[in-house]
Amino acid sequence: MALTTVQVYRKELSELIRIEIERVIEPMINGHVTSFEDYKSLAGRVAGLKSALELLDEADRVCAEKYR
């Protein structure tokens, strides 16, 4: 079964967000964060990106219920 444009968009957006999360946490993992402020900033960005993924999942659930 072929994917719709919306499904492809959602898949690509999710993947881009996951890639960005990996990119943002890399300096944290490698110990290249030089200050607590930098750490907080990076941690906040990761939290925001993870929240975006959760909102995508929630939107999928809402749409599945609403338009089945």
N, C-alpha and C. Protein backbone atom coordinates (compact mmCIF):
# COMPACT_ATOMS: atom_id res chain seq x y z
N MET A 1 0.84 -1.18 0.00
CA MET A 1 0.00 0.00 0.00
C MET A 1 0.89 1.25 0.00
N ALA A 2 0.59 2.16 -0.86
CA ALA A 2 1.39 3.38 -1.00
C ALA A 2 1.07 4.35 0.15
N LEU A 3 2.08 5.08 0.55
CA LEU A 3 1.91 6.08 1.60
C LEU A 3 1.31 7.35 1.01
N THR A 4 0.49 8.02 1.81
CA THR A 4 -0.04 9.30 1.38
C THR A 4 1.03 10.37 1.58
N THR A 5 0.80 11.52 1.00
CA THR A 5 1.73 12.64 1.16
C THR A 5 1.88 13.01 2.63
N VAL A 6 0.78 12.99 3.36
CA VAL A 6 0.82 13.33 4.79
C VAL A 6 1.65 12.31 5.57
N GLN A 7 1.50 11.04 5.25
CA GLN A 7 2.28 10.01 5.93
C GLN A 7 3.77 10.15 5.64
N VAL A 8 4.10 10.45 4.40
CA VAL A 8 5.51 10.65 4.02
C VAL A 8 6.07 11.87 4.74
N TYR A 9 5.28 12.96 4.77
CA TYR A 9 5.70 14.18 5.45
C TYR A 9 5.96 13.92 6.93
N ARG A 10 5.04 13.21 7.58
CA ARG A 10 5.17 12.91 9.01
C ARG A 10 6.41 12.05 9.27
N LYS A 11 6.62 11.06 8.42
CA LYS A 11 7.79 10.18 8.57
C LYS A 11 9.09 10.98 8.42
N GLU A 12 9.15 11.83 7.41
CA GLU A 12 10.35 12.64 7.18
C GLU A 12 10.58 13.64 8.31
N LEU A 13 9.51 14.28 8.76
CA LEU A 13 9.64 15.25 9.85
C LEU A 13 10.13 14.56 11.12
N SER A 14 9.58 13.39 11.43
CA SER A 14 10.02 12.64 12.61
C SER A 14 11.50 12.29 12.51
N GLU A 15 11.92 11.87 11.34
CA GLU A 15 13.32 11.50 11.15
C GLU A 15 14.23 12.72 11.29
N LEU A 16 13.83 13.85 10.73
CA LEU A 16 14.63 15.07 10.86
C LEU A 16 14.74 15.51 12.32
N ILE A 17 13.65 15.39 13.08
CA ILE A 17 13.69 15.74 14.50
C ILE A 17 14.62 14.80 15.25
N ARG A 18 14.56 13.50 14.96
CA ARG A 18 15.45 12.54 15.63
C ARG A 18 16.92 12.82 15.31
N ILE A 19 17.19 13.16 14.06
CA ILE A 19 18.57 13.50 13.66
C ILE A 19 19.04 14.74 14.41
N GLU A 20 18.17 15.73 14.55
CA GLU A 20 18.54 16.95 15.27
C GLU A 20 18.79 16.66 16.75
N ILE A 21 17.99 15.79 17.34
CA ILE A 21 18.22 15.39 18.73
C ILE A 21 19.61 14.78 18.86
N GLU A 22 19.96 13.88 17.97
CA GLU A 22 21.29 13.25 18.00
C GLU A 22 22.39 14.31 17.88
N ARG A 23 22.19 15.26 16.97
CA ARG A 23 23.19 16.31 16.74
C ARG A 23 23.36 17.18 17.98
N VAL A 24 22.24 17.50 18.65
CA VAL A 24 22.29 18.37 19.82
C VAL A 24 22.93 17.67 21.02
N ILE A 25 22.66 16.38 21.19
CA ILE A 25 23.21 15.70 22.37
C ILE A 25 24.66 15.27 22.20
N GLU A 26 25.16 15.29 20.98
CA GLU A 26 26.54 14.86 20.74
C GLU A 26 27.56 15.58 21.62
N PRO A 27 27.54 16.92 21.71
CA PRO A 27 28.52 17.58 22.58
C PRO A 27 28.34 17.21 24.06
N MET A 28 27.12 16.91 24.45
CA MET A 28 26.87 16.52 25.84
C MET A 28 27.49 15.15 26.12
N ILE A 29 27.33 14.24 25.18
CA ILE A 29 27.87 12.89 25.33
C ILE A 29 29.39 12.90 25.32
N ASN A 30 29.96 13.73 24.46
CA ASN A 30 31.41 13.77 24.29
C ASN A 30 32.12 14.67 25.29
N GLY A 31 31.37 15.29 26.19
CA GLY A 31 31.98 16.13 27.21
C GLY A 31 32.49 17.46 26.71
N HIS A 32 31.89 17.98 25.65
CA HIS A 32 32.35 19.25 25.09
C HIS A 32 31.50 20.44 25.53
N VAL A 33 30.70 20.26 26.55
CA VAL A 33 29.91 21.37 27.07
C VAL A 33 30.76 22.11 28.09
N THR A 34 30.93 23.41 27.88
CA THR A 34 31.89 24.16 28.69
C THR A 34 31.28 24.86 29.90
N SER A 35 29.96 24.97 29.92
CA SER A 35 29.34 25.65 31.07
C SER A 35 27.98 25.03 31.38
N PHE A 36 27.52 25.29 32.57
CA PHE A 36 26.21 24.79 32.97
C PHE A 36 25.12 25.44 32.14
N GLU A 37 25.31 26.70 31.76
CA GLU A 37 24.34 27.40 30.93
C GLU A 37 24.21 26.73 29.56
N ASP A 38 25.35 26.34 28.98
CA ASP A 38 25.32 25.62 27.70
C ASP A 38 24.61 24.28 27.85
N TYR A 39 24.89 23.58 28.93
CA TYR A 39 24.25 22.30 29.20
C TYR A 39 22.74 22.47 29.30
N LYS A 40 22.31 23.48 30.07
CA LYS A 40 20.87 23.73 30.22
C LYS A 40 20.23 24.06 28.88
N SER A 41 20.91 24.85 28.08
CA SER A 41 20.38 25.22 26.77
C SER A 41 20.21 23.99 25.88
N LEU A 42 21.24 23.15 25.83
CA LEU A 42 21.16 21.94 25.01
C LEU A 42 20.09 20.99 25.53
N ALA A 43 20.03 20.83 26.85
CA ALA A 43 19.01 19.96 27.44
C ALA A 43 17.61 20.48 27.14
N GLY A 44 17.44 21.78 27.17
CA GLY A 44 16.15 22.37 26.83
C GLY A 44 15.77 22.15 25.38
N ARG A 45 16.75 22.24 24.49
CA ARG A 45 16.48 21.99 23.07
C ARG A 45 16.07 20.54 22.85
N VAL A 46 16.76 19.62 23.52
CA VAL A 46 16.41 18.21 23.40
C VAL A 46 15.00 17.96 23.92
N ALA A 47 14.69 18.56 25.06
CA ALA A 47 13.35 18.39 25.64
C ALA A 47 12.29 18.94 24.68
N GLY A 48 12.55 20.06 24.07
CA GLY A 48 11.61 20.64 23.12
C GLY A 48 11.41 19.76 21.89
N LEU A 49 12.51 19.21 21.39
CA LEU A 49 12.41 18.33 20.22
C LEU A 49 11.67 17.04 20.55
N LYS A 50 11.92 16.50 21.74
CA LYS A 50 11.19 15.30 22.16
C LYS A 50 9.72 15.60 22.33
N SER A 51 9.41 16.79 22.82
CA SER A 51 8.02 17.21 22.95
C SER A 51 7.36 17.29 21.57
N ALA A 52 8.09 17.76 20.58
CA ALA A 52 7.55 17.82 19.22
C ALA A 52 7.21 16.43 18.70
N LEU A 53 8.08 15.45 18.98
CA LEU A 53 7.79 14.07 18.58
C LEU A 53 6.54 13.54 19.27
N GLU A 54 6.39 13.86 20.55
CA GLU A 54 5.21 13.42 21.29
C GLU A 54 3.95 14.07 20.72
N LEU A 55 4.03 15.33 20.33
CA LEU A 55 2.88 16.01 19.74
C LEU A 55 2.51 15.40 18.38
N LEU A 56 3.51 14.99 17.61
CA LEU A 56 3.22 14.30 16.36
C LEU A 56 2.46 13.01 16.61
N ASP A 57 2.89 12.25 17.62
CA ASP A 57 2.20 11.01 17.97
C ASP A 57 0.77 11.29 18.44
N GLU A 58 0.61 12.32 19.24
CA GLU A 58 -0.72 12.69 19.72
C GLU A 58 -1.62 13.11 18.56
N ALA A 59 -1.08 13.86 17.62
CA ALA A 59 -1.86 14.27 16.45
C ALA A 59 -2.29 13.04 15.65
N ASP A 60 -1.42 12.05 15.53
CA ASP A 60 -1.79 10.81 14.85
C ASP A 60 -2.96 10.13 15.55
N ARG A 61 -2.90 10.06 16.89
CA ARG A 61 -3.98 9.42 17.65
C ARG A 61 -5.30 10.17 17.49
N VAL A 62 -5.23 11.49 17.57
CA VAL A 62 -6.45 12.30 17.41
C VAL A 62 -7.05 12.10 16.04
N CYS A 63 -6.21 12.16 15.01
CA CYS A 63 -6.71 11.99 13.66
C CYS A 63 -7.28 10.59 13.44
N ALA A 64 -6.65 9.58 14.00
CA ALA A 64 -7.13 8.22 13.85
C ALA A 64 -8.51 8.06 14.48
N GLU A 65 -8.72 8.69 15.62
CA GLU A 65 -10.03 8.61 16.27
C GLU A 65 -11.07 9.44 15.54
N LYS A 66 -10.68 10.60 15.11
CA LYS A 66 -11.62 11.54 14.52
C LYS A 66 -12.04 11.15 13.09
N TYR A 67 -11.11 10.60 12.33
CA TYR A 67 -11.35 10.37 10.91
C TYR A 67 -11.25 8.91 10.50
N ARG A 68 -11.65 8.01 11.38
CA ARG A 68 -11.56 6.59 10.98
C ARG A 68 -12.75 6.15 10.21
